[in-house]
Protein backbone atom coordinates (compact mmCIF):
# COMPACT_ATOMS: atom_id res chain seq x y z
CA MET A 1 0.10 -0.31 0.57
CA GLY A 2 1.16 3.29 -0.77
CA ILE A 3 -0.30 6.80 1.09
CA ILE A 4 0.94 10.18 -0.48
CA PHE A 5 0.38 12.55 2.45
CA ASP A 6 -0.42 17.00 1.55
CA THR A 7 0.36 18.59 4.42
CA LYS A 8 -0.32 21.89 2.90
CA ALA A 9 -3.35 24.12 3.09
CA THR A 10 -4.95 24.99 -0.33
CA HIS A 11 -8.18 27.56 -0.53
CA TYR A 12 -10.40 24.75 -1.14
CA ASP A 13 -9.66 22.06 1.55
CA ALA A 14 -7.55 23.12 4.63
CA VAL A 15 -5.47 20.65 6.25
CA ASN A 16 -7.45 19.11 9.65
CA PRO A 17 -4.92 19.57 12.41
CA GLU A 18 -5.81 16.08 13.45
CA VAL A 19 -5.17 14.61 10.20
CA ILE A 20 -2.07 16.38 10.81
CA ASN A 21 -1.62 14.60 13.94
CA ALA A 22 -2.55 10.77 12.43
CA ILE A 23 0.31 11.65 9.96
CA ASP A 24 3.08 12.35 12.57
CA GLU A 25 1.30 8.76 14.80
CA PHE A 26 1.88 6.95 12.21
CA PHE A 27 5.22 7.93 11.37
CA GLU A 28 6.57 7.81 15.06
CA SER A 29 5.17 4.71 15.42
CA LEU A 30 7.15 3.37 12.51
CA LEU A 31 10.68 4.14 15.32
CA LEU A 32 13.26 5.41 12.55
CA THR A 33 15.62 6.80 12.35
CA GLN A 34 18.33 8.24 10.73
CA SER A 35 21.34 5.93 11.09
CA ASP A 36 19.78 2.82 11.11
CA LYS A 37 17.81 1.30 8.54
CA THR A 38 15.87 -0.99 10.65
CA THR A 39 13.50 -0.86 13.10
CA ASN A 40 12.06 -2.90 15.51
CA LEU A 41 7.70 -2.77 15.50
CA LYS A 42 5.62 -3.50 18.28
CA GLU A 43 2.89 -1.58 17.41
CA VAL A 44 2.30 0.41 13.68
CA LYS A 45 -0.87 3.37 14.02
CA LEU A 46 -2.60 2.69 11.16
CA ALA A 47 -5.58 2.51 11.88
CA ASN A 48 -6.17 6.35 13.27
CA LEU A 49 -4.69 7.65 9.54
CA MET A 50 -7.05 5.47 7.44
CA LYS A 51 -10.31 6.61 8.96
CA TYR A 52 -9.27 9.68 7.07
CA ALA A 53 -8.34 7.90 3.74
CA ASP A 54 -11.21 9.39 1.56
CA MET A 55 -12.65 5.73 0.38
CA ASN A 56 -15.78 7.04 -1.23
CA ASN A 57 -13.59 9.51 -3.87
CA ARG A 58 -11.82 6.82 -5.59
CA TRP A 59 -10.42 5.70 -8.64
CA SER A 60 -10.33 1.97 -9.53
CA TYR A 61 -8.71 0.03 -11.95
CA LYS A 62 -7.09 -3.40 -12.97
CA GLY A 63 -3.73 -4.26 -13.40
CA SER A 64 -0.62 -6.08 -13.45
CA LEU A 65 2.30 -7.29 -11.39
CA THR A 66 5.48 -4.72 -11.94
CA THR A 67 8.47 -7.12 -11.22
CA PRO A 68 8.34 -10.65 -12.91
CA PRO A 69 6.31 -12.91 -13.95
CA CYS A 70 4.28 -9.08 -14.35
CA SER A 71 0.53 -11.74 -12.93
CA LYS A 72 -2.62 -9.57 -14.24
CA THR A 73 -3.97 -10.19 -11.12
CA VAL A 74 -3.75 -6.84 -9.16
CA TYR A 75 -6.53 -4.42 -9.13
CA PHE A 76 -5.71 -1.52 -8.08
CA ASN A 77 -7.66 1.69 -5.80
CA VAL A 78 -5.41 5.48 -5.35
CA MET A 79 -8.41 7.39 -3.34
CA ARG A 80 -7.87 11.24 -3.09
């Protein structure tokens, strides 16, 4: 799963502070450091972040894996 974060307010869609907090909690739960390329995860705060995903405003399409065997069995969902 890939998630793109946009925390810049626009003229029509200001960023809710609760959303920014959920994004911060998610990254803090990953326990990432600049000196270490691994992490020891106990819990990832994903559920709180996903409640802000707009599941009703999305695009879907059938595709394929991008690595061999490139099977055409992937169903992509792109959410706003």
